[in-house]
Amino acid sequence: MPRAIVLNPADNVATLLDAGQAGEACALEGERQGRLVLLQDVPFGHKICIADTAEGQTIVKYGQVIGRASRAVRAGEHMHVHNIESARARGDLQKG
């Protein structure tokens, strides 16, 4: 069974410690315990969504906002550039 670690209780993503296949149960470890079913294949080291997330909702990892969901995402989905818009180093978003 693949494992994923949650590093802060405020996080809505976890980082995979093992590669996972769609349909596998994934054990959450760290600041949140539990299991969820992976909805897609997810490579080692990538993020998974651990709570249903609405489009535009902030994505939190390490207790810090790292971006926004560019579309609605279900728990168990792979979280990466295809569904997260980065909030870091975005000079185009700064008002000046």
PDB file of N, CA and C in Angstrom:
ATOM      1  N   MET A   1       0.844  -1.167   0.000  1.00  0.00           N
ATOM      2  CA  MET A   1       0.000   0.000   0.000  1.00  0.00           C
ATOM      3  C   MET A   1       0.899   1.244   0.000  1.00  0.00           C
ATOM      4  N   PRO A   2       0.672   2.173  -0.947  1.00  0.00           N
ATOM      5  CA  PRO A   2       1.469   3.396  -0.940  1.00  0.00           C
ATOM      6  C   PRO A   2       1.177   4.247   0.293  1.00  0.00           C
ATOM      7  N   ARG A   3       2.171   5.068   0.666  1.00  0.00           N
ATOM      8  CA  ARG A   3       2.045   5.951   1.815  1.00  0.00           C
ATOM      9  C   ARG A   3       2.233   7.397   1.372  1.00  0.00           C
ATOM     10  N   ALA A   4       1.579   8.299   2.093  1.00  0.00           N
ATOM     11  CA  ALA A   4       1.740   9.731   1.845  1.00  0.00           C
ATOM     12  C   ALA A   4       1.845  10.429   3.189  1.00  0.00           C
ATOM     13  N   ILE A   5       2.668  11.474   3.244  1.00  0.00           N
ATOM     14  CA  ILE A   5       2.876  12.168   4.504  1.00  0.00           C
ATOM     15  C   ILE A   5       2.231  13.552   4.467  1.00  0.00           C
ATOM     16  N   VAL A   6       1.552  13.868   5.567  1.00  0.00           N
ATOM     17  CA  VAL A   6       0.959  15.188   5.777  1.00  0.00           C
ATOM     18  C   VAL A   6       1.833  15.868   6.822  1.00  0.00           C
ATOM     19  N   LEU A   7       2.409  17.007   6.481  1.00  0.00           N
ATOM     20  CA  LEU A   7       3.400  17.627   7.347  1.00  0.00           C
ATOM     21  C   LEU A   7       2.852  18.695   8.278  1.00  0.00           C
ATOM     22  N   ASN A   8       1.630  19.153   8.048  1.00  0.00           N
ATOM     23  CA  ASN A   8       1.026  20.181   8.890  1.00  0.00           C
ATOM     24  C   ASN A   8      -0.473  19.902   8.946  1.00  0.00           C
ATOM     25  N   PRO A   9      -1.115  20.070  10.096  1.00  0.00           N
ATOM     26  CA  PRO A   9      -2.548  19.773  10.188  1.00  0.00           C
ATOM     27  C   PRO A   9      -3.411  20.628   9.262  1.00  0.00           C
ATOM     28  N   ALA A  10      -2.902  21.787   8.816  1.00  0.00           N
ATOM     29  CA  ALA A  10      -3.663  22.659   7.921  1.00  0.00           C
ATOM     30  C   ALA A  10      -3.558  22.242   6.456  1.00  0.00           C
ATOM     31  N   ASP A  11      -2.657  21.307   6.135  1.00  0.00           N
ATOM     32  CA  ASP A  11      -2.423  20.915   4.740  1.00  0.00           C
ATOM     33  C   ASP A  11      -3.656  20.256   4.124  1.00  0.00           C
ATOM     34  N   ASN A  12      -3.888  20.560   2.832  1.00  0.00           N
ATOM     35  CA  ASN A  12      -4.933  19.838   2.100  1.00  0.00           C
ATOM     36  C   ASN A  12      -4.333  18.991   0.980  1.00  0.00           C
ATOM     37  N   VAL A  13      -3.002  18.832   1.011  1.00  0.00           N
ATOM     38  CA  VAL A  13      -2.302  17.897   0.134  1.00  0.00           C
ATOM     39  C   VAL A  13      -1.320  17.086   0.970  1.00  0.00           C
ATOM     40  N   ALA A  14      -0.967  15.918   0.459  1.00  0.00           N
ATOM     41  CA  ALA A  14       0.048  15.073   1.088  1.00  0.00           C
ATOM     42  C   ALA A  14       1.062  14.704   0.023  1.00  0.00           C
ATOM     43  N   THR A  15       2.269  14.369   0.435  1.00  0.00           N
ATOM     44  CA  THR A  15       3.342  13.994  -0.489  1.00  0.00           C
ATOM     45  C   THR A  15       3.514  12.485  -0.468  1.00  0.00           C
ATOM     46  N   LEU A  16       3.479  11.875  -1.656  1.00  0.00           N
ATOM     47  CA  LEU A  16       3.616  10.422  -1.749  1.00  0.00           C
ATOM     48  C   LEU A  16       5.031   9.972  -1.427  1.00  0.00           C
ATOM     49  N   LEU A  17       5.136   8.999  -0.527  1.00  0.00           N
ATOM     50  CA  LEU A  17       6.421   8.394  -0.170  1.00  0.00           C
ATOM     51  C   LEU A  17       6.708   7.162  -1.019  1.00  0.00           C
ATOM     52  N   ASP A  18       5.692   6.697  -1.721  1.00  0.00           N
ATOM     53  CA  ASP A  18       5.793   5.561  -2.631  1.00  0.00           C
ATOM     54  C   ASP A  18       4.940   5.892  -3.850  1.00  0.00           C
ATOM     55  N   ALA A  19       5.344   5.440  -5.024  1.00  0.00           N
ATOM     56  CA  ALA A  19       4.494   5.613  -6.199  1.00  0.00           C
ATOM     57  C   ALA A  19       3.185   4.864  -5.974  1.00  0.00           C
ATOM     58  N   GLY A  20       2.090   5.386  -6.505  1.00  0.00           N
ATOM     59  CA  GLY A  20       0.795   4.746  -6.325  1.00  0.00           C
ATOM     60  C   GLY A  20       0.055   4.591  -7.637  1.00  0.00           C
ATOM     61  N   GLN A  21      -0.792   3.586  -7.693  1.00  0.00           N
ATOM     62  CA  GLN A  21      -1.600   3.296  -8.875  1.00  0.00           C
ATOM     63  C   GLN A  21      -3.063   3.644  -8.603  1.00  0.00           C
ATOM     64  N   ALA A  22      -3.768   4.073  -9.627  1.00  0.00           N
ATOM     65  CA  ALA A  22      -5.197   4.359  -9.510  1.00  0.00           C
ATOM     66  C   ALA A  22      -5.912   3.152  -8.916  1.00  0.00           C
ATOM     67  N   GLY A  23      -6.785   3.409  -7.958  1.00  0.00           N
ATOM     68  CA  GLY A  23      -7.560   2.353  -7.320  1.00  0.00           C
ATOM     69  C   GLY A  23      -6.940   1.797  -6.048  1.00  0.00           C
ATOM     70  N   GLU A  24      -5.660   2.096  -5.791  1.00  0.00           N
ATOM     71  CA  GLU A  24      -5.006   1.616  -4.569  1.00  0.00           C
ATOM     72  C   GLU A  24      -5.401   2.481  -3.379  1.00  0.00           C
ATOM     73  N   ALA A  25      -5.509   1.842  -2.218  1.00  0.00           N
ATOM     74  CA  ALA A  25      -5.674   2.586  -0.973  1.00  0.00           C
ATOM     75  C   ALA A  25      -4.317   3.169  -0.624  1.00  0.00           C
ATOM     76  N   CYS A  26      -4.327   4.398  -0.121  1.00  0.00           N
ATOM     77  CA  CYS A  26      -3.092   5.081   0.254  1.00  0.00           C
ATOM     78  C   CYS A  26      -3.194   5.462   1.728  1.00  0.00           C
ATOM     79  N   ALA A  27      -2.194   5.100   2.512  1.00  0.00           N
ATOM     80  CA  ALA A  27      -2.178   5.402   3.944  1.00  0.00           C
ATOM     81  C   ALA A  27      -1.602   6.797   4.167  1.00  0.00           C
ATOM     82  N   LEU A  28      -2.350   7.636   4.884  1.00  0.00           N
ATOM     83  CA  LEU A  28      -1.864   8.961   5.265  1.00  0.00           C
ATOM     84  C   LEU A  28      -1.141   8.838   6.591  1.00  0.00           C
ATOM     85  N   GLU A  29       0.028   9.462   6.673  1.00  0.00           N
ATOM     86  CA  GLU A  29       0.847   9.423   7.875  1.00  0.00           C
ATOM     87  C   GLU A  29       1.251  10.841   8.248  1.00  0.00           C
ATOM     88  N   GLY A  30       1.765  11.017   9.427  1.00  0.00           N
ATOM     89  CA  GLY A  30       2.212  12.333   9.864  1.00  0.00           C
ATOM     90  C   GLY A  30       1.136  13.048  10.657  1.00  0.00           C
ATOM     91  N   GLU A  31       0.851  14.284  10.281  1.00  0.00           N
ATOM     92  CA  GLU A  31      -0.098  15.112  11.026  1.00  0.00           C
ATOM     93  C   GLU A  31      -1.557  14.747  10.787  1.00  0.00           C
ATOM     94  N   ARG A  32      -1.820  13.881   9.821  1.00  0.00           N
ATOM     95  CA  ARG A  32      -3.164  13.339   9.599  1.00  0.00           C
ATOM     96  C   ARG A  32      -3.028  11.859   9.347  1.00  0.00           C
ATOM     97  N   GLN A  33      -3.893  11.104   9.948  1.00  0.00           N
ATOM     98  CA  GLN A  33      -3.897   9.657   9.772  1.00  0.00           C
ATOM     99  C   GLN A  33      -5.145   9.273   8.993  1.00  0.00           C
ATOM    100  N   GLY A  34      -5.076   8.181   8.288  1.00  0.00           N
ATOM    101  CA  GLY A  34      -6.244   7.693   7.575  1.00  0.00           C
ATOM    102  C   GLY A  34      -5.843   7.062   6.255  1.00  0.00           C
ATOM    103  N   ARG A  35      -6.840   6.829   5.448  1.00  0.00           N
ATOM    104  CA  ARG A  35      -6.629   6.231   4.131  1.00  0.00           C
ATOM    105  C   ARG A  35      -7.529   6.909   3.131  1.00  0.00           C
ATOM    106  N   LEU A  36      -7.078   6.933   1.900  1.00  0.00           N
ATOM    107  CA  LEU A  36      -7.930   7.371   0.796  1.00  0.00           C
ATOM    108  C   LEU A  36      -7.554   6.550  -0.418  1.00  0.00           C
ATOM    109  N   VAL A  37      -8.425   6.528  -1.399  1.00  0.00           N
ATOM    110  CA  VAL A  37      -8.191   5.769  -2.621  1.00  0.00           C
ATOM    111  C   VAL A  37      -7.629   6.715  -3.671  1.00  0.00           C
ATOM    112  N   LEU A  38      -6.521   6.307  -4.293  1.00  0.00           N
ATOM    113  CA  LEU A  38      -5.943   7.105  -5.364  1.00  0.00           C
ATOM    114  C   LEU A  38      -6.832   7.007  -6.598  1.00  0.00           C
ATOM    115  N   LEU A  39      -7.140   8.153  -7.187  1.00  0.00           N
ATOM    116  CA  LEU A  39      -8.006   8.185  -8.358  1.00  0.00           C
ATOM    117  C   LEU A  39      -7.215   8.164  -9.662  1.00  0.00           C
ATOM    118  N   GLN A  40      -5.894   8.358  -9.541  1.00  0.00           N
ATOM    119  CA  GLN A  40      -5.006   8.358 -10.705  1.00  0.00           C
ATOM    120  C   GLN A  40      -3.676   7.751 -10.286  1.00  0.00           C
ATOM    121  N   ASP A  41      -2.872   7.349 -11.265  1.00  0.00           N
ATOM    122  CA  ASP A  41      -1.496   6.964 -10.968  1.00  0.00           C
ATOM    123  C   ASP A  41      -0.767   8.225 -10.512  1.00  0.00           C
ATOM    124  N   VAL A  42       0.043   8.097  -9.463  1.00  0.00           N
ATOM    125  CA  VAL A  42       0.772   9.243  -8.923  1.00  0.00           C
ATOM    126  C   VAL A  42       2.217   8.818  -8.682  1.00  0.00           C
ATOM    127  N   PRO A  43       3.180   9.558  -9.259  1.00  0.00           N
ATOM    128  CA  PRO A  43       4.589   9.213  -9.059  1.00  0.00           C
ATOM    129  C   PRO A  43       5.065   9.512  -7.642  1.00  0.00           C
ATOM    130  N   PHE A  44       6.107   8.809  -7.225  1.00  0.00           N
ATOM    131  CA  PHE A  44       6.783   9.058  -5.953  1.00  0.00           C
ATOM    132  C   PHE A  44       7.139  10.543  -5.846  1.00  0.00           C
ATOM    133  N   GLY A  45       6.912  11.120  -4.669  1.00  0.00           N
ATOM    134  CA  GLY A  45       7.296  12.503  -4.412  1.00  0.00           C
ATOM    135  C   GLY A  45       6.285  13.543  -4.849  1.00  0.00           C
ATOM    136  N   HIS A  46       5.253  13.125  -5.563  1.00  0.00           N
ATOM    137  CA  HIS A  46       4.239  14.076  -6.010  1.00  0.00           C
ATOM    138  C   HIS A  46       3.155  14.234  -4.948  1.00  0.00           C
ATOM    139  N   LYS A  47       2.340  15.266  -5.102  1.00  0.00           N
ATOM    140  CA  LYS A  47       1.280  15.559  -4.141  1.00  0.00           C
ATOM    141  C   LYS A  47      -0.022  14.895  -4.551  1.00  0.00           C
ATOM    142  N   ILE A  48      -0.822  14.568  -3.512  1.00  0.00           N
ATOM    143  CA  ILE A  48      -2.199  14.120  -3.739  1.00  0.00           C
ATOM    144  C   ILE A  48      -3.123  15.009  -2.921  1.00  0.00           C
ATOM    145  N   CYS A  49      -4.308  15.180  -3.429  1.00  0.00           N
ATOM    146  CA  CYS A  49      -5.340  15.943  -2.731  1.00  0.00           C
ATOM    147  C   CYS A  49      -5.913  15.064  -1.619  1.00  0.00           C
ATOM    148  N   ILE A  50      -6.040  15.612  -0.405  1.00  0.00           N
ATOM    149  CA  ILE A  50      -6.560  14.799   0.694  1.00  0.00           C
ATOM    150  C   ILE A  50      -7.934  15.270   1.163  1.00  0.00           C
ATOM    151  N   ALA A  51      -8.455  16.332   0.538  1.00  0.00           N
ATOM    152  CA  ALA A  51      -9.806  16.816   0.843  1.00  0.00           C
ATOM    153  C   ALA A  51     -10.365  17.441  -0.426  1.00  0.00           C
ATOM    154  N   ASP A  52     -11.622  17.158  -0.732  1.00  0.00           N
ATOM    155  CA  ASP A  52     -12.231  17.764  -1.913  1.00  0.00           C
ATOM    156  C   ASP A  52     -11.968  19.268  -1.880  1.00  0.00           C
ATOM    157  N   THR A  53     -11.554  19.811  -3.015  1.00  0.00           N
ATOM    158  CA  THR A  53     -11.110  21.190  -3.108  1.00  0.00           C
ATOM    159  C   THR A  53     -11.817  21.874  -4.260  1.00  0.00           C
ATOM    160  N   ALA A  54     -12.435  23.004  -3.998  1.00  0.00           N
ATOM    161  CA  ALA A  54     -13.156  23.749  -5.024  1.00  0.00           C
ATOM    162  C   ALA A  54     -12.195  24.550  -5.895  1.00  0.00           C
ATOM    163  N   GLU A  55     -12.607  24.827  -7.120  1.00  0.00           N
ATOM    164  CA  GLU A  55     -11.815  25.690  -7.993  1.00  0.00           C
ATOM    165  C   GLU A  55     -11.567  27.022  -7.293  1.00  0.00           C
ATOM    166  N   GLY A  56     -10.323  27.488  -7.329  1.00  0.00           N
ATOM    167  CA  GLY A  56      -9.961  28.753  -6.701  1.00  0.00           C
ATOM    168  C   GLY A  56      -9.567  28.650  -5.240  1.00  0.00           C
ATOM    169  N   GLN A  57      -9.843  27.517  -4.613  1.00  0.00           N
ATOM    170  CA  GLN A  57      -9.481  27.336  -3.197  1.00  0.00           C
ATOM    171  C   GLN A  57      -7.970  27.233  -3.062  1.00  0.00           C
ATOM    172  N   THR A  58      -7.439  27.744  -1.945  1.00  0.00           N
ATOM    173  CA  THR A  58      -5.992  27.698  -1.736  1.00  0.00           C
ATOM    174  C   THR A  58      -5.521  26.272  -1.487  1.00  0.00           C
ATOM    175  N   ILE A  59      -4.297  26.003  -1.947  1.00  0.00           N
ATOM    176  CA  ILE A  59      -3.634  24.728  -1.723  1.00  0.00           C
ATOM    177  C   ILE A  59      -2.582  24.972  -0.654  1.00  0.00           C
ATOM    178  N   VAL A  60      -2.628  24.166   0.411  1.00  0.00           N
ATOM    179  CA  VAL A  60      -1.746  24.366   1.557  1.00  0.00           C
ATOM    180  C   VAL A  60      -0.849  23.142   1.723  1.00  0.00           C
ATOM    181  N   LYS A  61       0.465  23.399   1.787  1.00  0.00           N
ATOM    182  CA  LYS A  61       1.471  22.353   2.028  1.00  0.00           C
ATOM    183  C   LYS A  61       2.475  22.936   3.014  1.00  0.00           C
ATOM    184  N   TYR A  62       2.902  22.148   3.991  1.00  0.00           N
ATOM    185  CA  TYR A  62       3.797  22.621   5.064  1.00  0.00           C
ATOM    186  C   TYR A  62       3.155  23.759   5.856  1.00  0.00           C
ATOM    187  N   GLY A  63       1.828  23.859   5.828  1.00  0.00           N
ATOM    188  CA  GLY A  63       1.143  24.940   6.523  1.00  0.00           C
ATOM    189  C   GLY A  63       1.199  26.262   5.782  1.00  0.00           C
ATOM    190  N   GLN A  64       1.719  26.260   4.554  1.00  0.00           N
ATOM    191  CA  GLN A  64       1.868  27.475   3.758  1.00  0.00           C
ATOM    192  C   GLN A  64       1.053  27.369   2.475  1.00  0.00           C
ATOM    193  N   VAL A  65       0.466  28.481   2.057  1.00  0.00           N
ATOM    194  CA  VAL A  65      -0.255  28.506   0.782  1.00  0.00           C
ATOM    195  C   VAL A  65       0.769  28.410  -0.345  1.00  0.00           C
ATOM    196  N   ILE A  66       0.598  27.406  -1.210  1.00  0.00           N
ATOM    197  CA  ILE A  66       1.516  27.239  -2.342  1.00  0.00           C
ATOM    198  C   ILE A  66       0.840  27.542  -3.670  1.00  0.00           C
ATOM    199  N   GLY A  67      -0.485  27.714  -3.651  1.00  0.00           N
ATOM    200  CA  GLY A  67      -1.183  27.996  -4.896  1.00  0.00           C
ATOM    201  C   GLY A  67      -2.686  27.928  -4.717  1.00  0.00           C
ATOM    202  N   ARG A  68      -3.365  27.892  -5.873  1.00  0.00           N
ATOM    203  CA  ARG A  68      -4.822  27.780  -5.903  1.00  0.00           C
ATOM    204  C   ARG A  68      -5.211  26.666  -6.864  1.00  0.00           C
ATOM    205  N   ALA A  69      -6.309  26.014  -6.575  1.00  0.00           N
ATOM    206  CA  ALA A  69      -6.810  24.972  -7.478  1.00  0.00           C
ATOM    207  C   ALA A  69      -7.317  25.635  -8.749  1.00  0.00           C
ATOM    208  N   SER A  70      -6.815  25.201  -9.892  1.00  0.00           N
ATOM    209  CA  SER A  70      -7.256  25.773 -11.165  1.00  0.00           C
ATOM    210  C   SER A  70      -8.558  25.131 -11.654  1.00  0.00           C
ATOM    211  N   ARG A  71      -8.988  24.104 -10.946  1.00  0.00           N
ATOM    212  CA  ARG A  71     -10.283  23.448 -11.201  1.00  0.00           C
ATOM    213  C   ARG A  71     -10.666  22.705  -9.933  1.00  0.00           C
ATOM    214  N   ALA A  72     -11.887  22.231  -9.845  1.00  0.00           N
ATOM    215  CA  ALA A  72     -12.293  21.417  -8.690  1.00  0.00           C
ATOM    216  C   ALA A  72     -11.490  20.116  -8.699  1.00  0.00           C
ATOM    217  N   VAL A  73     -11.049  19.702  -7.512  1.00  0.00           N
ATOM    218  CA  VAL A  73     -10.221  18.498  -7.378  1.00  0.00           C
ATOM    219  C   VAL A  73     -10.803  17.629  -6.268  1.00  0.00           C
ATOM    220  N   ARG A  74     -10.868  16.327  -6.525  1.00  0.00           N
ATOM    221  CA  ARG A  74     -11.391  15.394  -5.528  1.00  0.00           C
ATOM    222  C   ARG A  74     -10.260  14.780  -4.716  1.00  0.00           C
ATOM    223  N   ALA A  75     -10.575  14.425  -3.487  1.00  0.00           N
ATOM    224  CA  ALA A  75      -9.609  13.720  -2.643  1.00  0.00           C
ATOM    225  C   ALA A  75      -9.161  12.463  -3.375  1.00  0.00           C
ATOM    226  N   GLY A  76      -7.842  12.228  -3.422  1.00  0.00           N
ATOM    227  CA  GLY A  76      -7.284  11.072  -4.110  1.00  0.00           C
ATOM    228  C   GLY A  76      -6.705  11.396  -5.469  1.00  0.00           C
ATOM    229  N   GLU A  77      -6.939  12.633  -5.954  1.00  0.00           N
ATOM    230  CA  GLU A  77      -6.384  13.024  -7.250  1.00  0.00           C
ATOM    231  C   GLU A  77      -4.945  13.507  -7.114  1.00  0.00           C
ATOM    232  N   HIS A  78      -4.200  13.327  -8.184  1.00  0.00           N
ATOM    233  CA  HIS A  78      -2.834  13.832  -8.311  1.00  0.00           C
ATOM    234  C   HIS A  78      -2.900  15.357  -8.352  1.00  0.00           C
ATOM    235  N   MET A  79      -2.081  16.018  -7.529  1.00  0.00           N
ATOM    236  CA  MET A  79      -2.022  17.485  -7.508  1.00  0.00           C
ATOM    237  C   MET A  79      -0.687  17.906  -8.107  1.00  0.00           C
ATOM    238  N   HIS A  80      -0.760  18.647  -9.215  1.00  0.00           N
ATOM    239  CA  HIS A  80       0.465  19.073  -9.897  1.00  0.00           C
ATOM    240  C   HIS A  80       0.121  20.288 -10.756  1.00  0.00           C
ATOM    241  N   VAL A  81       0.969  20.623 -11.694  1.00  0.00           N
ATOM    242  CA  VAL A  81       0.781  21.839 -12.494  1.00  0.00           C
ATOM    243  C   VAL A  81      -0.500  21.815 -13.332  1.00  0.00           C
ATOM    244  N   HIS A  82      -1.078  20.655 -13.568  1.00  0.00           N
ATOM    245  CA  HIS A  82      -2.295  20.571 -14.369  1.00  0.00           C
ATOM    246  C   HIS A  82      -3.543  21.010 -13.589  1.00  0.00           C
ATOM    247  N   ASN A  83      -3.448  21.114 -12.252  1.00  0.00           N
ATOM    248  CA  ASN A  83      -4.618  21.543 -11.482  1.00  0.00           C
ATOM    249  C   ASN A  83      -4.278  22.479 -10.318  1.00  0.00           C
ATOM    250  N   ILE A  84      -3.030  22.961 -10.275  1.00  0.00           N
ATOM    251  CA  ILE A  84      -2.625  23.963  -9.284  1.00  0.00           C
ATOM    252  C   ILE A  84      -2.001  25.142 -10.018  1.00  0.00           C
ATOM    253  N   GLU A  85      -2.500  26.322  -9.696  1.00  0.00           N
ATOM    254  CA  GLU A  85      -1.881  27.552 -10.193  1.00  0.00           C
ATOM    255  C   GLU A  85      -1.010  28.081  -9.074  1.00  0.00           C
ATOM    256  N   SER A  86       0.273  28.238  -9.335  1.00  0.00           N
ATOM    257  CA  SER A  86       1.218  28.653  -8.303  1.00  0.00           C
ATOM    258  C   SER A  86       0.884  30.047  -7.777  1.00  0.00           C
ATOM    259  N   ALA A  87       1.127  30.241  -6.492  1.00  0.00           N
ATOM    260  CA  ALA A  87       0.953  31.554  -5.863  1.00  0.00           C
ATOM    261  C   ALA A  87       2.309  32.123  -5.460  1.00  0.00           C
ATOM    262  N   ARG A  88       3.374  31.423  -5.805  1.00  0.00           N
ATOM    263  CA  ARG A  88       4.719  31.857  -5.407  1.00  0.00           C
ATOM    264  C   ARG A  88       5.457  32.457  -6.598  1.00  0.00           C
ATOM    265  N   ALA A  89       6.214  33.518  -6.312  1.00  0.00           N
ATOM    266  CA  ALA A  89       7.030  34.199  -7.320  1.00  0.00           C
ATOM    267  C   ALA A  89       6.189  34.632  -8.515  1.00  0.00           C
ATOM    268  N   ARG A  90       4.988  35.138  -8.236  1.00  0.00           N
ATOM    269  CA  ARG A  90       4.082  35.579  -9.281  1.00  0.00           C
ATOM    270  C   ARG A  90       4.042  37.112  -9.312  1.00  0.00           C
ATOM    271  N   GLY A  91       5.054  37.706  -9.879  1.00  0.00           N
ATOM    272  CA  GLY A  91       5.095  39.155  -9.994  1.00  0.00           C
ATOM    273  C   GLY A  91       3.919  39.708 -10.778  1.00  0.00           C
ATOM    274  N   ASP A  92       3.362  38.895 -11.673  1.00  0.00           N
ATOM    275  CA  ASP A  92       2.215  39.343 -12.465  1.00  0.00           C
ATOM    276  C   ASP A  92       0.965  39.537 -11.616  1.00  0.00           C
ATOM    277  N   LEU A  93       0.955  38.979 -10.408  1.00  0.00           N
ATOM    278  CA  LEU A  93      -0.205  39.136  -9.527  1.00  0.00           C
ATOM    279  C   LEU A  93      -0.046  40.298  -8.569  1.00  0.00           C
ATOM    280  N   GLN A  94       1.133  40.883  -8.497  1.00  0.00           N
ATOM    281  CA  GLN A  94       1.375  41.977  -7.576  1.00  0.00           C
ATOM    282  C   GLN A  94       0.828  43.275  -8.125  1.00  0.00           C
ATOM    283  N   LYS A  95       0.228  44.028  -7.234  1.00  0.00           N
ATOM    284  CA  LYS A  95      -0.300  45.338  -7.605  1.00  0.00           C
ATOM    285  C   LYS A  95       0.774  46.366  -7.326  1.00  0.00           C
ATOM    286  N   GLY A  96       0.955  47.282  -8.229  1.00  0.00           N
ATOM    287  CA  GLY A  96       2.023  48.226  -8.008  1.00  0.00           C
ATOM    288  C   GLY A  96       1.655  49.531  -8.479  1.00  0.00           C
TER     289      GLY A  96
END
